[in-house]
Amino acid sequence: MKNIFALIVLSFVFYSCAVKVPYTRQVNEEFGLKSEEKMRKVQFFTSSTIILNQVAESSSETMTDESGTLVSSSTSESESLIIQANTRCIFEGYGPNGEIRVRFETGDQKFLEFLSKGNQLRDRFYFVADWKASGGPKVKYGSKEYKVDMMRGAARSSYIRVSKKRLQRTKRKERVVKGMKV
């Protein structure tokens, strides 16, 4: 009897663990996530690493110093943004073409977009960038433009995921019948 109870408890624990699944229209319909209010309550995750490199801003200047030597100075500023696999993000809103905008940090316009490539219920929402831009794929994040690093990370195949948990409660009652005597 104790073994059966332990088995039931153990199976309940395994069934109640959350698993990360791709966010699809099917998940949206299954959980009734039609409104933005409901979407804001969902925790999203990235499926793989996305690395963005800021388009370098540089300035140069030439001058002469007090001894008459010509001096050429240049400064450049760059930033890399690394969003690792399974990074938590929250729903920001919808884009004009049905993109899902997710936010990883606070700040004006600091979100990335994910879009379903097809119209099927099971189609995933993949990372959106200007893949055909000259000089490599680019994306705007905040007020800056970043190049998508295709050598490191897996940005092109990155999609958003959600934690999904299945709770199944079963009430079971057992009793032993003693029988009847004449």
C-alpha atoms as a PDB file:
ATOM      1  CA  MET A   1       0.000   0.000   0.000  1.00  0.00           C
ATOM      2  CA  LYS A   2       2.866   2.378   0.848  1.00  0.00           C
ATOM      3  CA  ASN A   3       4.535   1.547  -2.464  1.00  0.00           C
ATOM      4  CA  ILE A   4       1.387   2.406  -4.399  1.00  0.00           C
ATOM      5  CA  PHE A   5       1.061   5.722  -2.569  1.00  0.00           C
ATOM      6  CA  ALA A   6       4.728   6.546  -3.233  1.00  0.00           C
ATOM      7  CA  LEU A   7       4.260   5.689  -6.899  1.00  0.00           C
ATOM      8  CA  ILE A   8       1.210   7.951  -7.166  1.00  0.00           C
ATOM      9  CA  VAL A   9       3.031  10.850  -5.483  1.00  0.00           C
ATOM     10  CA  LEU A  10       6.089  10.351  -7.684  1.00  0.00           C
ATOM     11  CA  SER A  11       4.016  10.274 -10.868  1.00  0.00           C
ATOM     12  CA  PHE A  12       2.207  13.448  -9.760  1.00  0.00           C
ATOM     13  CA  VAL A  13       5.554  15.207  -9.283  1.00  0.00           C
ATOM     14  CA  PHE A  14       6.767  14.179 -12.734  1.00  0.00           C
ATOM     15  CA  TYR A  15       3.534  15.220 -14.426  1.00  0.00           C
ATOM     16  CA  SER A  16       3.551  18.624 -12.740  1.00  0.00           C
ATOM     17  CA  CYS A  17       7.060  19.634 -13.922  1.00  0.00           C
ATOM     18  CA  ALA A  18       7.091  22.384 -16.524  1.00  0.00           C
ATOM     19  CA  VAL A  19       8.626  21.776 -19.931  1.00  0.00           C
ATOM     20  CA  LYS A  20       9.688  24.459 -22.381  1.00  0.00           C
ATOM     21  CA  VAL A  21       7.797  24.150 -25.662  1.00  0.00           C
ATOM     22  CA  PRO A  22       7.847  26.336 -28.779  1.00  0.00           C
ATOM     23  CA  TYR A  23       5.287  29.132 -28.715  1.00  0.00           C
ATOM     24  CA  THR A  24       2.838  28.521 -31.573  1.00  0.00           C
ATOM     25  CA  ARG A  25      -0.669  29.560 -32.557  1.00  0.00           C
ATOM     26  CA  GLN A  26      -1.816  26.210 -31.200  1.00  0.00           C
ATOM     27  CA  VAL A  27      -0.428  27.076 -27.735  1.00  0.00           C
ATOM     28  CA  ASN A  28      -2.056  30.499 -28.054  1.00  0.00           C
ATOM     29  CA  GLU A  29      -5.461  28.960 -28.785  1.00  0.00           C
ATOM     30  CA  GLU A  30      -5.097  26.160 -26.230  1.00  0.00           C
ATOM     31  CA  PHE A  31      -4.546  28.637 -23.381  1.00  0.00           C
ATOM     32  CA  GLY A  32      -6.787  31.439 -24.708  1.00  0.00           C
ATOM     33  CA  LEU A  33      -4.022  34.032 -25.073  1.00  0.00           C
ATOM     34  CA  LYS A  34      -6.013  36.313 -27.368  1.00  0.00           C
ATOM     35  CA  SER A  35      -5.589  39.573 -25.447  1.00  0.00           C
ATOM     36  CA  GLU A  36      -2.386  41.512 -24.814  1.00  0.00           C
ATOM     37  CA  GLU A  37      -3.253  41.480 -21.105  1.00  0.00           C
ATOM     38  CA  LYS A  38      -3.088  37.666 -20.994  1.00  0.00           C
ATOM     39  CA  MET A  39       0.095  37.613 -23.099  1.00  0.00           C
ATOM     40  CA  ARG A  40       1.829  39.924 -20.588  1.00  0.00           C
ATOM     41  CA  LYS A  41       1.387  37.245 -17.900  1.00  0.00           C
ATOM     42  CA  VAL A  42       3.299  34.621 -19.923  1.00  0.00           C
ATOM     43  CA  GLN A  43       7.037  34.058 -19.384  1.00  0.00           C
ATOM     44  CA  PHE A  44       8.850  33.622 -22.706  1.00  0.00           C
ATOM     45  CA  PHE A  45      12.321  32.166 -23.328  1.00  0.00           C
ATOM     46  CA  THR A  46      14.711  32.191 -26.285  1.00  0.00           C
ATOM     47  CA  SER A  47      15.518  28.843 -27.872  1.00  0.00           C
ATOM     48  CA  SER A  48      19.120  29.608 -28.802  1.00  0.00           C
ATOM     49  CA  THR A  49      21.783  32.288 -28.461  1.00  0.00           C
ATOM     50  CA  ILE A  50      21.385  35.557 -30.371  1.00  0.00           C
ATOM     51  CA  ILE A  51      24.445  37.817 -30.656  1.00  0.00           C
ATOM     52  CA  LEU A  52      24.100  41.371 -31.917  1.00  0.00           C
ATOM     53  CA  ASN A  53      27.076  43.629 -32.697  1.00  0.00           C
ATOM     54  CA  GLN A  54      26.520  47.354 -32.772  1.00  0.00           C
ATOM     55  CA  VAL A  55      27.292  49.008 -36.057  1.00  0.00           C
ATOM     56  CA  ALA A  56      30.539  50.803 -35.145  1.00  0.00           C
ATOM     57  CA  GLU A  57      30.432  54.537 -34.696  1.00  0.00           C
ATOM     58  CA  SER A  58      33.793  56.095 -35.407  1.00  0.00           C
ATOM     59  CA  SER A  59      35.178  59.572 -35.674  1.00  0.00           C
ATOM     60  CA  SER A  60      38.590  60.781 -36.722  1.00  0.00           C
ATOM     61  CA  GLU A  61      40.346  64.066 -36.437  1.00  0.00           C
ATOM     62  CA  THR A  62      43.669  65.443 -37.599  1.00  0.00           C
ATOM     63  CA  MET A  63      45.595  68.236 -35.925  1.00  0.00           C
ATOM     64  CA  THR A  64      49.073  69.360 -35.003  1.00  0.00           C
ATOM     65  CA  ASP A  65      50.529  69.352 -31.528  1.00  0.00           C
ATOM     66  CA  GLU A  66      52.591  72.160 -29.950  1.00  0.00           C
ATOM     67  CA  SER A  67      55.857  70.824 -31.480  1.00  0.00           C
ATOM     68  CA  GLY A  68      54.403  70.915 -35.000  1.00  0.00           C
ATOM     69  CA  THR A  69      53.918  67.158 -35.360  1.00  0.00           C
ATOM     70  CA  LEU A  70      50.893  66.024 -37.334  1.00  0.00           C
ATOM     71  CA  VAL A  71      48.561  63.953 -35.155  1.00  0.00           C
ATOM     72  CA  SER A  72      45.781  61.768 -36.492  1.00  0.00           C
ATOM     73  CA  SER A  73      43.414  60.441 -33.852  1.00  0.00           C
ATOM     74  CA  SER A  74      40.421  58.223 -34.240  1.00  0.00           C
ATOM     75  CA  THR A  75      37.923  56.789 -31.808  1.00  0.00           C
ATOM     76  CA  SER A  76      35.451  54.032 -32.331  1.00  0.00           C
ATOM     77  CA  GLU A  77      32.723  52.703 -30.121  1.00  0.00           C
ATOM     78  CA  SER A  78      31.131  49.293 -30.374  1.00  0.00           C
ATOM     79  CA  GLU A  79      28.912  47.107 -28.243  1.00  0.00           C
ATOM     80  CA  SER A  80      27.992  43.443 -28.394  1.00  0.00           C
ATOM     81  CA  LEU A  81      24.669  42.296 -27.048  1.00  0.00           C
ATOM     82  CA  ILE A  82      24.537  38.600 -26.132  1.00  0.00           C
ATOM     83  CA  ILE A  83      21.159  37.007 -25.488  1.00  0.00           C
ATOM     84  CA  GLN A  84      21.871  33.469 -24.351  1.00  0.00           C
ATOM     85  CA  ALA A  85      19.641  30.466 -24.928  1.00  0.00           C
ATOM     86  CA  ASN A  86      16.819  30.227 -22.361  1.00  0.00           C
ATOM     87  CA  THR A  87      17.006  33.940 -21.533  1.00  0.00           C
ATOM     88  CA  ARG A  88      13.745  35.101 -19.980  1.00  0.00           C
ATOM     89  CA  CYS A  89      11.768  37.756 -21.810  1.00  0.00           C
ATOM     90  CA  ILE A  90       8.332  39.313 -21.538  1.00  0.00           C
ATOM     91  CA  PHE A  91       5.669  40.245 -24.056  1.00  0.00           C
ATOM     92  CA  GLU A  92       5.869  43.878 -25.199  1.00  0.00           C
ATOM     93  CA  GLY A  93       3.191  44.000 -27.884  1.00  0.00           C
ATOM     94  CA  TYR A  94       2.343  43.075 -31.445  1.00  0.00           C
ATOM     95  CA  GLY A  95       4.048  44.463 -34.543  1.00  0.00           C
ATOM     96  CA  PRO A  96       2.224  45.706 -37.651  1.00  0.00           C
ATOM     97  CA  ASN A  97       2.457  42.309 -39.403  1.00  0.00           C
ATOM     98  CA  GLY A  98       1.549  40.150 -36.404  1.00  0.00           C
ATOM     99  CA  GLU A  99       5.084  39.954 -35.015  1.00  0.00           C
ATOM    100  CA  ILE A 100       5.415  39.254 -31.320  1.00  0.00           C
ATOM    101  CA  ARG A 101       7.654  41.804 -29.638  1.00  0.00           C
ATOM    102  CA  VAL A 102       9.505  40.583 -26.547  1.00  0.00           C
ATOM    103  CA  ARG A 103      11.557  42.621 -24.111  1.00  0.00           C
ATOM    104  CA  PHE A 104      14.749  41.476 -22.357  1.00  0.00           C
ATOM    105  CA  GLU A 105      15.488  44.700 -20.473  1.00  0.00           C
ATOM    106  CA  THR A 106      13.928  48.078 -19.764  1.00  0.00           C
ATOM    107  CA  GLY A 107      14.441  50.983 -22.129  1.00  0.00           C
ATOM    108  CA  ASP A 108      12.785  52.727 -25.033  1.00  0.00           C
ATOM    109  CA  GLN A 109      12.287  50.465 -28.078  1.00  0.00           C
ATOM    110  CA  LYS A 110      14.475  47.718 -26.543  1.00  0.00           C
ATOM    111  CA  PHE A 111      12.658  44.682 -27.880  1.00  0.00           C
ATOM    112  CA  LEU A 112      13.141  42.029 -30.542  1.00  0.00           C
ATOM    113  CA  GLU A 113      10.478  40.685 -32.871  1.00  0.00           C
ATOM    114  CA  PHE A 114       9.525  37.096 -33.614  1.00  0.00           C
ATOM    115  CA  LEU A 115       7.220  36.067 -36.463  1.00  0.00           C
ATOM    116  CA  SER A 116       5.596  32.832 -37.584  1.00  0.00           C
ATOM    117  CA  LYS A 117       6.855  31.845 -41.036  1.00  0.00           C
ATOM    118  CA  GLY A 118       3.630  30.127 -42.038  1.00  0.00           C
ATOM    119  CA  ASN A 119      -0.055  29.995 -41.275  1.00  0.00           C
ATOM    120  CA  GLN A 120      -0.149  26.555 -39.679  1.00  0.00           C
ATOM    121  CA  LEU A 121      -1.106  26.142 -36.022  1.00  0.00           C
ATOM    122  CA  ARG A 122       2.190  24.413 -35.172  1.00  0.00           C
ATOM    123  CA  ASP A 123       4.490  26.981 -36.831  1.00  0.00           C
ATOM    124  CA  ARG A 124       7.027  28.527 -34.456  1.00  0.00           C
ATOM    125  CA  PHE A 125       7.694  32.242 -34.043  1.00  0.00           C
ATOM    126  CA  TYR A 126      11.250  32.873 -35.309  1.00  0.00           C
ATOM    127  CA  PHE A 127      13.613  35.807 -34.733  1.00  0.00           C
ATOM    128  CA  VAL A 128      13.018  38.648 -37.209  1.00  0.00           C
ATOM    129  CA  ALA A 129      15.863  40.654 -38.777  1.00  0.00           C
ATOM    130  CA  ASP A 130      16.581  42.259 -42.134  1.00  0.00           C
ATOM    131  CA  TRP A 131      18.291  39.125 -43.454  1.00  0.00           C
ATOM    132  CA  LYS A 132      18.916  40.621 -46.927  1.00  0.00           C
ATOM    133  CA  ALA A 133      20.616  43.842 -45.785  1.00  0.00           C
ATOM    134  CA  SER A 134      23.910  44.696 -47.460  1.00  0.00           C
ATOM    135  CA  GLY A 135      26.812  43.915 -45.162  1.00  0.00           C
ATOM    136  CA  GLY A 136      24.880  41.210 -43.329  1.00  0.00           C
ATOM    137  CA  PRO A 137      21.624  40.906 -41.409  1.00  0.00           C
ATOM    138  CA  LYS A 138      20.664  43.903 -39.272  1.00  0.00           C
ATOM    139  CA  VAL A 139      18.143  44.629 -36.554  1.00  0.00           C
ATOM    140  CA  LYS A 140      17.192  47.737 -34.609  1.00  0.00           C
ATOM    141  CA  TYR A 141      17.377  47.421 -30.818  1.00  0.00           C
ATOM    142  CA  GLY A 142      16.646  50.532 -28.810  1.00  0.00           C
ATOM    143  CA  SER A 143      17.852  53.558 -30.742  1.00  0.00           C
ATOM    144  CA  LYS A 144      20.825  51.734 -32.282  1.00  0.00           C
ATOM    145  CA  GLU A 145      21.276  49.446 -35.246  1.00  0.00           C
ATOM    146  CA  TYR A 146      22.999  46.102 -34.708  1.00  0.00           C
ATOM    147  CA  LYS A 147      24.402  43.505 -37.069  1.00  0.00           C
ATOM    148  CA  VAL A 148      23.352  39.947 -36.334  1.00  0.00           C
ATOM    149  CA  ASP A 149      26.434  37.811 -35.656  1.00  0.00           C
ATOM    150  CA  MET A 150      25.953  34.732 -37.819  1.00  0.00           C
ATOM    151  CA  MET A 151      29.292  33.130 -36.867  1.00  0.00           C
ATOM    152  CA  ARG A 152      28.556  32.946 -33.148  1.00  0.00           C
ATOM    153  CA  GLY A 153      25.141  31.965 -31.857  1.00  0.00           C
ATOM    154  CA  ALA A 154      22.211  30.646 -33.855  1.00  0.00           C
ATOM    155  CA  ALA A 155      20.098  33.732 -34.477  1.00  0.00           C
ATOM    156  CA  ARG A 156      18.511  32.569 -37.732  1.00  0.00           C
ATOM    157  CA  SER A 157      17.019  29.458 -36.139  1.00  0.00           C
ATOM    158  CA  SER A 158      16.122  31.098 -32.813  1.00  0.00           C
ATOM    159  CA  TYR A 159      12.469  31.071 -31.771  1.00  0.00           C
ATOM    160  CA  ILE A 160      10.535  31.843 -28.609  1.00  0.00           C
ATOM    161  CA  ARG A 161       9.414  29.211 -26.137  1.00  0.00           C
ATOM    162  CA  VAL A 162       7.100  29.062 -23.146  1.00  0.00           C
ATOM    163  CA  SER A 163       6.962  26.872 -20.058  1.00  0.00           C
ATOM    164  CA  LYS A 164       4.059  24.491 -20.173  1.00  0.00           C
ATOM    165  CA  LYS A 165       2.919  22.466 -17.216  1.00  0.00           C
ATOM    166  CA  ARG A 166       0.337  19.734 -17.127  1.00  0.00           C
ATOM    167  CA  LEU A 167      -1.498  19.198 -13.899  1.00  0.00           C
ATOM    168  CA  GLN A 168      -3.582  16.101 -13.676  1.00  0.00           C
ATOM    169  CA  ARG A 169      -5.382  15.416 -10.467  1.00  0.00           C
ATOM    170  CA  THR A 170      -7.031  12.107  -9.977  1.00  0.00           C
ATOM    171  CA  LYS A 171      -8.991  11.184  -6.908  1.00  0.00           C
ATOM    172  CA  ARG A 172      -8.930   7.532  -6.247  1.00  0.00           C
ATOM    173  CA  LYS A 173     -10.702   5.688  -3.518  1.00  0.00           C
ATOM    174  CA  GLU A 174     -10.039   2.106  -2.571  1.00  0.00           C
ATOM    175  CA  ARG A 175     -11.919  -0.006  -0.127  1.00  0.00           C
ATOM    176  CA  VAL A 176     -11.892  -3.629   0.696  1.00  0.00           C
ATOM    177  CA  VAL A 177     -15.257  -5.380   0.750  1.00  0.00           C
ATOM    178  CA  LYS A 178     -15.441  -8.058   3.470  1.00  0.00           C
ATOM    179  CA  GLY A 179     -18.325  -9.918   1.941  1.00  0.00           C
ATOM    180  CA  MET A 180     -21.583 -11.202   3.413  1.00  0.00           C
ATOM    181  CA  LYS A 181     -22.365 -14.164   5.560  1.00  0.00           C
ATOM    182  CA  VAL A 182     -25.574 -16.173   5.541  1.00  0.00           C
END
